[in-house]
């Protein structure tokens, strides 16, 4: 686990949390997203603890974890329409999003019949649909091909340029300009 981590993440930042398996990357993301509590310290959003304003914080957050969060009994399009309606957005935008994540032609296929990469793309489509300024992404490139990774990296840059921030874990080297990426490196601690 990590200790004495003190960092400030601002609008426009792209932050890569790196370190070996088991160093606490996912735990840190879950703490930042308010899904787990830190043993010590606190996470602030707009100078207020995220636990004090949980609803306000979560309205500004999109968290994508290891599991894709895709409903297998729904089609790719139904999954995206559900997400859009859940956030009060126009469900007619689902088809455009399917095109952006290279799933046109699979819109009527049950998600349970799709590959791991296609599942991941359904989940990642939420990024194109989201209006949340804070994106916390745990291993977003898992099961994604090189072209998909490139599209995601470009989307991260665009999101940051619009005043959003992206916090992600990945074992892959980002092909972004190193000046654009802040890094938080976690290491093992043996006691």
N, C-alpha and C. Protein backbone atom coordinates (compact mmCIF):
# COMPACT_ATOMS: atom_id res chain seq x y z
N UNK A 1 0.83 -1.18 0.00
CA UNK A 1 0.00 0.00 0.00
C UNK A 1 0.87 1.25 0.00
N UNK A 2 0.28 2.35 -0.30
CA UNK A 2 0.99 3.61 -0.39
C UNK A 2 0.82 4.40 0.91
N UNK A 3 1.78 5.26 1.16
CA UNK A 3 1.76 6.10 2.36
C UNK A 3 2.13 7.51 1.98
N UNK A 4 1.62 8.45 2.74
CA UNK A 4 1.98 9.86 2.62
C UNK A 4 1.89 10.36 1.18
N UNK A 5 0.84 9.98 0.51
CA UNK A 5 0.62 10.46 -0.85
C UNK A 5 -0.09 11.80 -0.75
N UNK A 6 0.52 12.80 -1.31
CA UNK A 6 -0.05 14.14 -1.28
C UNK A 6 0.11 14.72 -2.68
N UNK A 7 -0.99 14.85 -3.37
CA UNK A 7 -0.92 15.38 -4.73
C UNK A 7 -2.14 16.23 -5.02
N UNK A 8 -2.02 17.12 -5.95
CA UNK A 8 -3.14 17.95 -6.37
C UNK A 8 -3.37 17.71 -7.86
N UNK A 9 -4.59 17.40 -8.19
CA UNK A 9 -4.97 17.16 -9.58
C UNK A 9 -5.94 18.27 -9.97
N UNK A 10 -5.65 18.90 -11.09
CA UNK A 10 -6.43 20.06 -11.50
C UNK A 10 -7.08 19.83 -12.85
N UNK A 11 -8.01 20.71 -13.17
CA UNK A 11 -8.63 20.69 -14.49
C UNK A 11 -7.53 20.76 -15.54
N UNK A 12 -7.65 19.94 -16.56
CA UNK A 12 -6.65 19.91 -17.63
C UNK A 12 -5.55 18.88 -17.44
N UNK A 13 -5.55 18.18 -16.30
CA UNK A 13 -4.50 17.21 -16.03
C UNK A 13 -4.84 15.82 -16.58
N UNK A 14 -3.82 15.14 -17.05
CA UNK A 14 -3.87 13.72 -17.35
C UNK A 14 -2.85 13.08 -16.41
N UNK A 15 -3.33 12.20 -15.55
CA UNK A 15 -2.48 11.62 -14.50
C UNK A 15 -2.44 10.10 -14.69
N UNK A 16 -1.23 9.57 -14.81
CA UNK A 16 -1.05 8.13 -14.92
C UNK A 16 -0.52 7.61 -13.59
N UNK A 17 -1.27 6.70 -12.98
CA UNK A 17 -0.83 6.03 -11.76
C UNK A 17 -0.14 4.76 -12.22
N UNK A 18 1.14 4.62 -11.85
CA UNK A 18 1.90 3.46 -12.32
C UNK A 18 2.54 2.74 -11.15
N UNK A 19 2.92 1.50 -11.42
CA UNK A 19 3.58 0.68 -10.42
C UNK A 19 3.29 -0.78 -10.71
N UNK A 20 4.00 -1.67 -10.02
CA UNK A 20 3.81 -3.11 -10.26
C UNK A 20 2.45 -3.58 -9.76
N UNK A 21 2.05 -4.76 -10.23
CA UNK A 21 0.81 -5.36 -9.72
C UNK A 21 0.90 -5.49 -8.21
N UNK A 22 -0.18 -5.15 -7.53
CA UNK A 22 -0.22 -5.27 -6.08
C UNK A 22 0.30 -4.06 -5.32
N UNK A 23 0.73 -3.02 -6.03
CA UNK A 23 1.27 -1.83 -5.37
C UNK A 23 0.18 -0.91 -4.83
N UNK A 24 -1.07 -1.11 -5.24
CA UNK A 24 -2.16 -0.29 -4.72
C UNK A 24 -2.79 0.65 -5.73
N UNK A 25 -2.54 0.45 -7.01
CA UNK A 25 -3.09 1.36 -8.03
C UNK A 25 -4.62 1.37 -8.02
N UNK A 26 -5.21 0.19 -8.07
CA UNK A 26 -6.68 0.10 -8.07
C UNK A 26 -7.23 0.62 -6.75
N UNK A 27 -6.57 0.31 -5.65
CA UNK A 27 -7.01 0.82 -4.34
C UNK A 27 -7.00 2.34 -4.33
N UNK A 28 -5.96 2.94 -4.87
CA UNK A 28 -5.89 4.40 -4.93
C UNK A 28 -7.03 4.96 -5.77
N UNK A 29 -7.28 4.38 -6.94
CA UNK A 29 -8.37 4.88 -7.78
C UNK A 29 -9.71 4.75 -7.07
N UNK A 30 -9.93 3.66 -6.38
CA UNK A 30 -11.19 3.47 -5.64
C UNK A 30 -11.32 4.51 -4.52
N UNK A 31 -10.24 4.86 -3.88
CA UNK A 31 -10.27 5.92 -2.86
C UNK A 31 -10.57 7.26 -3.51
N UNK A 32 -9.91 7.56 -4.62
CA UNK A 32 -10.14 8.82 -5.31
C UNK A 32 -11.58 8.94 -5.80
N UNK A 33 -12.18 7.80 -6.17
CA UNK A 33 -13.56 7.81 -6.66
C UNK A 33 -14.59 7.77 -5.52
N UNK A 34 -14.12 7.65 -4.28
CA UNK A 34 -15.04 7.61 -3.15
C UNK A 34 -15.68 6.26 -2.93
N UNK A 35 -15.13 5.22 -3.55
CA UNK A 35 -15.68 3.87 -3.40
C UNK A 35 -15.05 3.13 -2.22
N UNK A 36 -13.89 3.56 -1.78
CA UNK A 36 -13.21 3.01 -0.61
C UNK A 36 -12.73 4.17 0.24
N UNK A 37 -12.59 3.92 1.50
CA UNK A 37 -12.13 4.96 2.43
C UNK A 37 -10.64 4.78 2.70
N UNK A 38 -9.89 5.88 2.75
CA UNK A 38 -8.48 5.75 3.12
C UNK A 38 -8.34 5.47 4.61
N UNK A 39 -7.26 4.78 4.99
CA UNK A 39 -6.99 4.54 6.40
C UNK A 39 -6.68 5.85 7.10
N UNK A 40 -6.00 6.73 6.38
CA UNK A 40 -5.65 8.05 6.90
C UNK A 40 -5.84 9.06 5.79
N UNK A 41 -6.03 10.30 6.17
CA UNK A 41 -6.12 11.37 5.19
C UNK A 41 -7.50 11.47 4.56
N UNK A 42 -7.57 12.31 3.53
CA UNK A 42 -8.86 12.52 2.86
C UNK A 42 -8.64 12.98 1.43
N UNK A 43 -9.69 12.85 0.67
CA UNK A 43 -9.71 13.30 -0.72
C UNK A 43 -10.61 14.53 -0.77
N UNK A 44 -10.10 15.60 -1.35
CA UNK A 44 -10.87 16.84 -1.44
C UNK A 44 -11.31 17.10 -2.87
N UNK A 45 -12.50 17.65 -3.00
CA UNK A 45 -13.04 18.11 -4.27
C UNK A 45 -13.59 19.50 -4.02
N UNK A 46 -13.05 20.48 -4.73
CA UNK A 46 -13.43 21.88 -4.52
C UNK A 46 -13.27 22.27 -3.04
N UNK A 47 -12.12 21.89 -2.49
CA UNK A 47 -11.73 22.19 -1.11
C UNK A 47 -12.65 21.63 -0.05
N UNK A 48 -13.41 20.60 -0.40
CA UNK A 48 -14.31 19.95 0.54
C UNK A 48 -14.12 18.45 0.44
N UNK A 49 -14.17 17.74 1.56
CA UNK A 49 -14.04 16.30 1.56
C UNK A 49 -15.11 15.68 0.66
N UNK A 50 -14.71 14.68 -0.13
CA UNK A 50 -15.70 14.06 -1.03
C UNK A 50 -16.78 13.34 -0.24
N UNK A 51 -16.50 12.97 1.01
CA UNK A 51 -17.54 12.33 1.82
C UNK A 51 -18.57 13.35 2.30
N UNK A 52 -18.19 14.60 2.43
CA UNK A 52 -19.12 15.65 2.86
C UNK A 52 -20.07 16.06 1.74
N UNK A 53 -19.64 15.91 0.49
CA UNK A 53 -20.48 16.28 -0.64
C UNK A 53 -20.46 15.15 -1.67
N UNK A 54 -20.80 13.95 -1.21
CA UNK A 54 -20.72 12.75 -2.04
C UNK A 54 -21.53 12.90 -3.33
N UNK A 55 -22.75 13.37 -3.24
CA UNK A 55 -23.61 13.48 -4.43
C UNK A 55 -23.04 14.47 -5.43
N UNK A 56 -22.61 15.62 -4.96
CA UNK A 56 -22.03 16.63 -5.85
C UNK A 56 -20.77 16.13 -6.54
N UNK A 57 -19.95 15.41 -5.77
CA UNK A 57 -18.73 14.86 -6.34
C UNK A 57 -19.05 13.82 -7.40
N UNK A 58 -19.95 12.89 -7.08
CA UNK A 58 -20.27 11.82 -8.03
C UNK A 58 -20.96 12.32 -9.29
N UNK A 59 -21.62 13.47 -9.22
CA UNK A 59 -22.20 14.06 -10.42
C UNK A 59 -21.13 14.56 -11.38
N UNK A 60 -19.93 14.76 -10.88
CA UNK A 60 -18.81 15.25 -11.68
C UNK A 60 -17.84 14.14 -12.07
N UNK A 61 -18.19 12.89 -11.78
CA UNK A 61 -17.26 11.77 -11.91
C UNK A 61 -17.77 10.69 -12.86
N UNK A 62 -16.86 10.18 -13.66
CA UNK A 62 -17.09 8.94 -14.40
C UNK A 62 -15.98 7.99 -13.99
N UNK A 63 -16.36 6.87 -13.38
CA UNK A 63 -15.40 5.86 -12.95
C UNK A 63 -15.64 4.59 -13.76
N UNK A 64 -14.58 4.09 -14.37
CA UNK A 64 -14.63 2.80 -15.07
C UNK A 64 -13.58 1.90 -14.45
N UNK A 65 -14.03 0.82 -13.83
CA UNK A 65 -13.13 -0.12 -13.18
C UNK A 65 -12.71 -1.25 -14.09
N UNK A 66 -12.12 -2.27 -13.49
CA UNK A 66 -11.65 -3.44 -14.25
C UNK A 66 -12.77 -4.13 -15.00
N UNK A 67 -13.90 -4.33 -14.33
CA UNK A 67 -15.02 -5.01 -14.98
C UNK A 67 -15.74 -4.03 -15.89
N UNK A 68 -16.17 -4.48 -17.07
CA UNK A 68 -16.73 -3.54 -18.04
C UNK A 68 -18.09 -2.96 -17.67
N UNK A 69 -18.84 -3.59 -16.78
CA UNK A 69 -20.14 -3.04 -16.41
C UNK A 69 -21.14 -3.06 -17.55
N UNK A 70 -21.07 -4.10 -18.36
CA UNK A 70 -21.94 -4.25 -19.52
C UNK A 70 -22.96 -5.33 -19.21
N UNK A 71 -24.20 -5.08 -19.53
CA UNK A 71 -25.26 -6.06 -19.29
C UNK A 71 -25.33 -7.02 -20.47
N UNK A 72 -25.00 -8.29 -20.23
CA UNK A 72 -24.94 -9.30 -21.27
C UNK A 72 -26.25 -9.59 -21.95
N UNK A 73 -27.37 -9.40 -21.23
CA UNK A 73 -28.69 -9.69 -21.81
C UNK A 73 -29.22 -8.55 -22.68
N UNK A 74 -28.45 -7.46 -22.76
CA UNK A 74 -28.82 -6.33 -23.61
C UNK A 74 -27.89 -6.28 -24.81
N UNK A 75 -28.35 -5.68 -25.89
CA UNK A 75 -27.50 -5.50 -27.06
C UNK A 75 -26.51 -4.38 -26.79
N UNK A 76 -25.53 -4.24 -27.67
CA UNK A 76 -24.56 -3.14 -27.55
C UNK A 76 -25.30 -1.81 -27.55
N UNK A 77 -26.24 -1.64 -28.47
CA UNK A 77 -26.98 -0.37 -28.55
C UNK A 77 -27.84 -0.15 -27.31
N UNK A 78 -28.49 -1.19 -26.82
CA UNK A 78 -29.31 -1.04 -25.62
C UNK A 78 -28.47 -0.65 -24.42
N UNK A 79 -27.27 -1.19 -24.31
CA UNK A 79 -26.37 -0.81 -23.22
C UNK A 79 -26.07 0.68 -23.27
N UNK A 80 -25.77 1.18 -24.47
CA UNK A 80 -25.43 2.61 -24.60
C UNK A 80 -26.66 3.49 -24.40
N UNK A 81 -27.81 3.07 -24.93
CA UNK A 81 -29.04 3.84 -24.72
C UNK A 81 -29.39 3.91 -23.24
N UNK A 82 -29.22 2.80 -22.54
CA UNK A 82 -29.49 2.76 -21.10
C UNK A 82 -28.60 3.77 -20.37
N UNK A 83 -27.32 3.79 -20.70
CA UNK A 83 -26.40 4.73 -20.07
C UNK A 83 -26.79 6.18 -20.36
N UNK A 84 -27.15 6.46 -21.60
CA UNK A 84 -27.56 7.83 -21.95
C UNK A 84 -28.81 8.25 -21.18
N UNK A 85 -29.81 7.38 -21.14
CA UNK A 85 -31.04 7.70 -20.42
C UNK A 85 -30.77 7.86 -18.92
N UNK A 86 -29.91 7.03 -18.39
CA UNK A 86 -29.56 7.09 -16.97
C UNK A 86 -29.02 8.47 -16.60
N UNK A 87 -28.31 9.09 -17.53
CA UNK A 87 -27.71 10.41 -17.28
C UNK A 87 -28.52 11.54 -17.89
N UNK A 88 -29.75 11.27 -18.28
CA UNK A 88 -30.63 12.32 -18.80
C UNK A 88 -30.24 12.84 -20.17
N UNK A 89 -29.54 12.02 -20.95
CA UNK A 89 -29.09 12.43 -22.27
C UNK A 89 -29.95 11.77 -23.34
N UNK A 90 -29.83 12.24 -24.56
CA UNK A 90 -30.63 11.75 -25.68
C UNK A 90 -30.15 10.37 -26.12
N UNK A 91 -31.00 9.36 -26.00
CA UNK A 91 -30.60 8.00 -26.34
C UNK A 91 -30.37 7.82 -27.84
N UNK A 92 -30.81 8.78 -28.65
CA UNK A 92 -30.57 8.70 -30.09
C UNK A 92 -29.09 8.85 -30.45
N UNK A 93 -28.28 9.30 -29.49
CA UNK A 93 -26.85 9.46 -29.73
C UNK A 93 -26.09 8.14 -29.64
N UNK A 94 -26.76 7.06 -29.27
CA UNK A 94 -26.09 5.77 -29.09
C UNK A 94 -25.44 5.29 -30.39
N UNK A 95 -26.12 5.45 -31.51
CA UNK A 95 -25.57 4.94 -32.77
C UNK A 95 -24.27 5.67 -33.14
N UNK A 96 -24.24 6.99 -32.94
CA UNK A 96 -23.01 7.75 -33.21
C UNK A 96 -21.87 7.25 -32.34
N UNK A 97 -22.18 6.95 -31.10
CA UNK A 97 -21.15 6.48 -30.18
C UNK A 97 -20.66 5.10 -30.59
N UNK A 98 -21.55 4.25 -31.04
CA UNK A 98 -21.14 2.93 -31.52
C UNK A 98 -20.14 3.06 -32.66
N UNK A 99 -20.35 4.03 -33.53
CA UNK A 99 -19.42 4.25 -34.63
C UNK A 99 -18.06 4.68 -34.11
N UNK A 100 -18.04 5.55 -33.10
CA UNK A 100 -16.78 6.04 -32.55
C UNK A 100 -15.94 4.94 -31.92
N UNK A 101 -16.61 3.91 -31.40
CA UNK A 101 -15.87 2.81 -30.76
C UNK A 101 -15.82 1.56 -31.65
N UNK A 102 -16.07 1.76 -32.93
CA UNK A 102 -15.98 0.69 -33.94
C UNK A 102 -16.88 -0.51 -33.63
N UNK A 103 -18.13 -0.24 -33.26
CA UNK A 103 -19.07 -1.31 -33.00
C UNK A 103 -20.29 -1.28 -33.93
N UNK A 104 -20.25 -0.41 -34.94
CA UNK A 104 -21.34 -0.45 -35.91
C UNK A 104 -21.31 -1.81 -36.59
N UNK A 105 -22.48 -2.39 -36.77
CA UNK A 105 -22.57 -3.75 -37.28
C UNK A 105 -22.79 -4.74 -36.16
N UNK A 106 -22.53 -4.31 -34.92
CA UNK A 106 -22.73 -5.16 -33.75
C UNK A 106 -23.82 -4.58 -32.83
N UNK A 107 -24.48 -3.52 -33.29
CA UNK A 107 -25.44 -2.84 -32.42
C UNK A 107 -26.58 -3.74 -31.94
N UNK A 108 -26.96 -4.73 -32.74
CA UNK A 108 -28.08 -5.61 -32.37
C UNK A 108 -27.61 -6.93 -31.75
N UNK A 109 -26.32 -7.10 -31.60
CA UNK A 109 -25.80 -8.34 -31.00
C UNK A 109 -25.89 -8.24 -29.48
N UNK A 110 -26.34 -9.33 -28.87
CA UNK A 110 -26.33 -9.37 -27.41
C UNK A 110 -24.89 -9.23 -26.93
N UNK A 111 -24.70 -8.42 -25.91
CA UNK A 111 -23.35 -8.21 -25.39
C UNK A 111 -22.71 -9.52 -24.94
N UNK A 112 -23.51 -10.45 -24.48
CA UNK A 112 -22.96 -11.74 -24.02
C UNK A 112 -22.35 -12.54 -25.17
N UNK A 113 -22.66 -12.18 -26.40
CA UNK A 113 -22.11 -12.88 -27.57
C UNK A 113 -20.89 -12.17 -28.15
N UNK A 114 -20.48 -11.09 -27.53
CA UNK A 114 -19.36 -10.30 -28.05
C UNK A 114 -18.05 -10.66 -27.34
N UNK A 115 -16.94 -10.31 -27.97
CA UNK A 115 -15.61 -10.60 -27.41
C UNK A 115 -15.30 -9.68 -26.23
N UNK A 116 -14.22 -9.99 -25.53
CA UNK A 116 -13.78 -9.16 -24.40
C UNK A 116 -13.47 -7.74 -24.86
N UNK A 117 -12.83 -7.62 -26.03
CA UNK A 117 -12.51 -6.29 -26.56
C UNK A 117 -13.76 -5.50 -26.90
N UNK A 118 -14.77 -6.17 -27.43
CA UNK A 118 -16.03 -5.49 -27.75
C UNK A 118 -16.77 -5.08 -26.48
N UNK A 119 -16.71 -5.93 -25.45
CA UNK A 119 -17.29 -5.56 -24.15
C UNK A 119 -16.62 -4.30 -23.64
N UNK A 120 -15.30 -4.28 -23.70
CA UNK A 120 -14.55 -3.13 -23.20
C UNK A 120 -14.92 -1.88 -23.98
N UNK A 121 -15.10 -2.02 -25.31
CA UNK A 121 -15.48 -0.85 -26.12
C UNK A 121 -16.87 -0.34 -25.77
N UNK A 122 -17.79 -1.24 -25.43
CA UNK A 122 -19.11 -0.79 -24.98
C UNK A 122 -18.95 0.04 -23.70
N UNK A 123 -18.14 -0.45 -22.78
CA UNK A 123 -17.91 0.27 -21.53
C UNK A 123 -17.22 1.61 -21.79
N UNK A 124 -16.21 1.61 -22.64
CA UNK A 124 -15.46 2.84 -22.92
C UNK A 124 -16.29 3.86 -23.69
N UNK A 125 -17.35 3.41 -24.35
CA UNK A 125 -18.22 4.34 -25.08
C UNK A 125 -18.79 5.39 -24.13
N UNK A 126 -18.87 5.05 -22.84
CA UNK A 126 -19.36 6.02 -21.85
C UNK A 126 -18.51 7.28 -21.85
N UNK A 127 -17.23 7.16 -22.21
CA UNK A 127 -16.36 8.32 -22.24
C UNK A 127 -16.84 9.33 -23.29
N UNK A 128 -17.28 8.82 -24.43
CA UNK A 128 -17.77 9.71 -25.48
C UNK A 128 -19.14 10.27 -25.12
N UNK A 129 -19.85 9.60 -24.24
CA UNK A 129 -21.19 10.04 -23.83
C UNK A 129 -21.16 10.94 -22.60
N UNK A 130 -20.10 10.89 -21.84
CA UNK A 130 -20.06 11.53 -20.53
C UNK A 130 -19.89 13.04 -20.61
N UNK A 131 -20.55 13.70 -19.69
CA UNK A 131 -20.34 15.13 -19.50
C UNK A 131 -19.60 15.41 -18.20
N UNK A 132 -19.19 14.35 -17.50
CA UNK A 132 -18.48 14.50 -16.24
C UNK A 132 -17.07 15.02 -16.49
N UNK A 133 -16.61 15.99 -15.72
CA UNK A 133 -15.25 16.51 -15.93
C UNK A 133 -14.15 15.60 -15.40
N UNK A 134 -14.45 14.74 -14.42
CA UNK A 134 -13.43 13.88 -13.80
C UNK A 134 -13.62 12.45 -14.30
N UNK A 135 -12.59 11.92 -14.94
CA UNK A 135 -12.61 10.54 -15.40
C UNK A 135 -11.55 9.77 -14.62
N UNK A 136 -11.97 8.71 -13.96
CA UNK A 136 -11.05 7.81 -13.26
C UNK A 136 -11.19 6.45 -13.92
N UNK A 137 -10.09 5.97 -14.52
CA UNK A 137 -10.13 4.80 -15.38
C UNK A 137 -9.08 3.78 -14.96
N UNK A 138 -9.54 2.59 -14.60
CA UNK A 138 -8.65 1.53 -14.17
C UNK A 138 -8.37 0.61 -15.36
N UNK A 139 -7.17 0.66 -15.87
CA UNK A 139 -6.72 -0.16 -17.00
C UNK A 139 -7.66 -0.05 -18.22
N UNK A 140 -7.89 1.17 -18.73
CA UNK A 140 -8.83 1.33 -19.84
C UNK A 140 -8.39 0.67 -21.14
N UNK A 141 -7.10 0.38 -21.30
CA UNK A 141 -6.61 -0.18 -22.56
C UNK A 141 -6.69 -1.71 -22.61
N UNK A 142 -7.15 -2.35 -21.52
CA UNK A 142 -7.26 -3.80 -21.50
C UNK A 142 -8.15 -4.28 -22.65
N UNK A 143 -7.65 -5.24 -23.44
CA UNK A 143 -8.38 -5.86 -24.56
C UNK A 143 -8.67 -4.88 -25.70
N UNK A 144 -7.95 -3.77 -25.75
CA UNK A 144 -8.15 -2.78 -26.81
C UNK A 144 -6.97 -2.82 -27.77
N UNK A 145 -7.26 -2.79 -29.08
CA UNK A 145 -6.20 -2.84 -30.09
C UNK A 145 -5.49 -1.49 -30.20
N UNK A 146 -4.42 -1.45 -31.00
CA UNK A 146 -3.58 -0.25 -31.11
C UNK A 146 -4.36 0.96 -31.60
N UNK A 147 -5.24 0.77 -32.58
CA UNK A 147 -6.04 1.89 -33.08
C UNK A 147 -6.97 2.41 -31.98
N UNK A 148 -7.57 1.49 -31.23
CA UNK A 148 -8.44 1.89 -30.13
C UNK A 148 -7.70 2.65 -29.05
N UNK A 149 -6.48 2.22 -28.75
CA UNK A 149 -5.65 2.92 -27.76
C UNK A 149 -5.36 4.34 -28.24
N UNK A 150 -5.02 4.46 -29.50
CA UNK A 150 -4.71 5.78 -30.07
C UNK A 150 -5.93 6.71 -29.97
N UNK A 151 -7.12 6.18 -30.29
CA UNK A 151 -8.36 6.98 -30.19
C UNK A 151 -8.61 7.41 -28.75
N UNK A 152 -8.39 6.49 -27.82
CA UNK A 152 -8.59 6.83 -26.41
C UNK A 152 -7.62 7.92 -25.96
N UNK A 153 -6.36 7.77 -26.33
CA UNK A 153 -5.38 8.79 -25.94
C UNK A 153 -5.77 10.15 -26.49
N UNK A 154 -6.23 10.20 -27.73
CA UNK A 154 -6.66 11.47 -28.31
C UNK A 154 -7.86 12.03 -27.55
N UNK A 155 -8.79 11.15 -27.17
CA UNK A 155 -9.95 11.58 -26.40
C UNK A 155 -9.52 12.15 -25.05
N UNK A 156 -8.52 11.54 -24.41
CA UNK A 156 -8.01 12.05 -23.13
C UNK A 156 -7.47 13.47 -23.30
N UNK A 157 -6.71 13.68 -24.36
CA UNK A 157 -6.14 15.01 -24.61
C UNK A 157 -7.25 16.03 -24.85
N UNK A 158 -8.25 15.66 -25.64
CA UNK A 158 -9.38 16.56 -25.91
C UNK A 158 -10.14 16.87 -24.63
N UNK A 159 -10.36 15.86 -23.80
CA UNK A 159 -11.09 16.05 -22.54
C UNK A 159 -10.32 17.02 -21.63
N UNK A 160 -9.02 16.81 -21.51
CA UNK A 160 -8.19 17.68 -20.67
C UNK A 160 -8.18 19.11 -21.23
N UNK A 161 -8.12 19.25 -22.55
CA UNK A 161 -8.09 20.58 -23.17
C UNK A 161 -9.39 21.35 -22.92
N UNK A 162 -10.48 20.61 -22.70
CA UNK A 162 -11.78 21.25 -22.40
C UNK A 162 -11.95 21.53 -20.91
N UNK A 163 -10.91 21.25 -20.12
CA UNK A 163 -10.98 21.52 -18.68
C UNK A 163 -11.31 20.31 -17.83
N UNK A 164 -11.36 19.13 -18.43
CA UNK A 164 -11.58 17.92 -17.66
C UNK A 164 -10.25 17.37 -17.15
N UNK A 165 -10.32 16.33 -16.36
CA UNK A 165 -9.09 15.65 -15.95
C UNK A 165 -9.30 14.15 -16.09
N UNK A 166 -8.20 13.45 -16.36
CA UNK A 166 -8.21 12.01 -16.54
C UNK A 166 -7.16 11.42 -15.60
N UNK A 167 -7.60 10.47 -14.79
CA UNK A 167 -6.70 9.75 -13.90
C UNK A 167 -6.82 8.29 -14.29
N UNK A 168 -5.71 7.67 -14.68
CA UNK A 168 -5.79 6.30 -15.17
C UNK A 168 -4.61 5.46 -14.72
N UNK A 169 -4.85 4.16 -14.71
CA UNK A 169 -3.77 3.20 -14.54
C UNK A 169 -3.60 2.48 -15.87
N UNK A 170 -2.37 2.15 -16.18
CA UNK A 170 -2.08 1.32 -17.35
C UNK A 170 -0.66 0.82 -17.23
N UNK A 171 -0.44 -0.38 -17.72
CA UNK A 171 0.91 -0.92 -17.77
C UNK A 171 1.56 -0.59 -19.12
N UNK A 172 0.79 0.01 -20.02
CA UNK A 172 1.32 0.39 -21.33
C UNK A 172 1.96 1.77 -21.24
N UNK A 173 2.94 1.99 -22.09
CA UNK A 173 3.51 3.33 -22.20
C UNK A 173 2.55 4.17 -23.01
N UNK A 174 2.23 5.35 -22.50
CA UNK A 174 1.37 6.26 -23.24
C UNK A 174 2.19 6.89 -24.36
N UNK A 175 1.57 7.08 -25.50
CA UNK A 175 2.29 7.72 -26.62
C UNK A 175 2.07 9.23 -26.63
N UNK A 176 1.51 9.76 -25.56
CA UNK A 176 1.27 11.19 -25.45
C UNK A 176 2.57 11.93 -25.14
N UNK A 177 2.59 13.20 -25.46
CA UNK A 177 3.71 14.05 -25.11
C UNK A 177 3.92 13.96 -23.59
N UNK A 178 5.12 13.60 -23.14
CA UNK A 178 5.37 13.47 -21.69
C UNK A 178 5.04 14.73 -20.90
N UNK A 179 5.07 15.87 -21.56
CA UNK A 179 4.72 17.14 -20.89
C UNK A 179 3.25 17.18 -20.49
N UNK A 180 2.42 16.37 -21.16
CA UNK A 180 0.98 16.37 -20.89
C UNK A 180 0.57 15.45 -19.75
N UNK A 181 1.47 14.56 -19.34
CA UNK A 181 1.11 13.50 -18.40
C UNK A 181 1.86 13.65 -17.08
N UNK A 182 1.10 13.77 -15.99
CA UNK A 182 1.69 13.71 -14.65
C UNK A 182 1.73 12.24 -14.26
N UNK A 183 2.72 11.85 -13.49
CA UNK A 183 2.81 10.46 -13.06
C UNK A 183 2.85 10.36 -11.55
N UNK A 184 2.12 9.38 -11.05
CA UNK A 184 2.19 8.99 -9.65
C UNK A 184 2.69 7.56 -9.66
N UNK A 185 3.85 7.32 -9.06
CA UNK A 185 4.44 5.99 -9.06
C UNK A 185 4.30 5.37 -7.68
N UNK A 186 3.68 4.19 -7.64
CA UNK A 186 3.53 3.45 -6.40
C UNK A 186 4.50 2.28 -6.42
N UNK A 187 5.05 1.95 -5.27
CA UNK A 187 5.97 0.82 -5.18
C UNK A 187 5.51 -0.10 -4.06
N UNK A 188 6.05 -1.30 -4.05
CA UNK A 188 5.77 -2.23 -2.98
C UNK A 188 6.38 -1.74 -1.69
N UNK A 189 5.71 -2.02 -0.60
CA UNK A 189 6.27 -1.79 0.73
C UNK A 189 6.18 -3.09 1.49
N UNK A 190 7.29 -3.61 1.92
CA UNK A 190 7.30 -4.83 2.71
C UNK A 190 7.51 -4.45 4.17
N UNK A 191 6.69 -5.00 5.03
CA UNK A 191 6.78 -4.67 6.46
C UNK A 191 7.23 -5.87 7.23
